[in-house]
Protein backbone atom coordinates (compact mmCIF):
# COMPACT_ATOMS: atom_id res chain seq x y z
CA MET A 1 -17.67 -0.98 -8.42
CA LYS A 2 -17.41 -0.74 -4.51
CA LYS A 3 -14.07 -2.37 -3.39
CA VAL A 4 -13.91 -1.21 0.22
CA THR A 5 -16.25 -1.76 3.22
CA VAL A 6 -15.61 0.45 6.30
CA LYS A 7 -17.24 -0.23 9.72
CA ILE A 8 -16.80 1.80 12.92
CA ASN A 9 -18.11 0.02 15.91
CA GLY A 10 -19.94 -2.40 13.62
CA LYS A 11 -21.79 0.40 11.69
CA ASP A 12 -21.19 0.61 7.96
CA ILE A 13 -19.66 3.90 6.71
CA GLU A 14 -20.64 5.09 3.31
CA LEU A 15 -17.72 5.89 0.92
CA ASN A 16 -17.89 7.78 -2.22
CA ALA A 17 -16.13 6.39 -5.29
CA PHE A 18 -13.04 8.49 -4.70
CA ALA A 19 -12.53 7.46 -1.09
CA ASP A 20 -13.24 3.85 -2.03
CA SER A 21 -10.43 3.96 -4.67
CA VAL A 22 -7.95 5.81 -2.52
CA ILE A 23 -8.36 3.42 0.39
CA ALA A 24 -8.09 0.32 -1.81
CA SER A 25 -5.07 1.55 -3.67
CA THR A 26 -3.31 2.76 -0.51
CA ILE A 27 -3.71 -0.52 1.35
CA LYS A 28 -2.66 -2.64 -1.63
CA GLY A 29 0.40 -0.11 -2.24
CA LEU A 30 1.44 -0.67 1.44
CA LEU A 31 1.00 -4.39 1.48
CA SER A 32 2.16 -5.51 -1.99
CA PRO A 33 5.99 -5.29 -1.34
CA LEU A 34 5.59 -7.60 1.82
CA ARG A 35 6.62 -11.19 1.59
CA GLY A 36 3.43 -13.34 1.51
CA TYR A 37 1.40 -10.77 -0.29
CA GLU A 38 -0.96 -12.27 -3.05
CA GLU A 39 -3.87 -10.96 -4.96
CA GLY A 40 -7.32 -11.52 -3.43
CA GLU A 41 -9.55 -10.30 -0.65
CA ILE A 42 -7.64 -8.33 2.04
CA SER A 43 -9.10 -7.76 5.50
CA VAL A 44 -7.73 -5.14 7.83
CA LEU A 45 -9.00 -4.58 11.46
CA VAL A 46 -7.84 -1.48 13.53
CA LYS A 47 -8.58 -1.35 17.03
CA GLU A 48 -8.04 1.67 19.23
């Protein structure tokens, strides 16, 4: 099951199952100890 969507400059980037799982687990792992964290959809936007 696809958990992660990655877009660069508006273009979808294909992720294999391993990358999808690693990205989802890493983001949840970083955010879960923070006050206000709750289960559900997470959106992250990175601008350079």
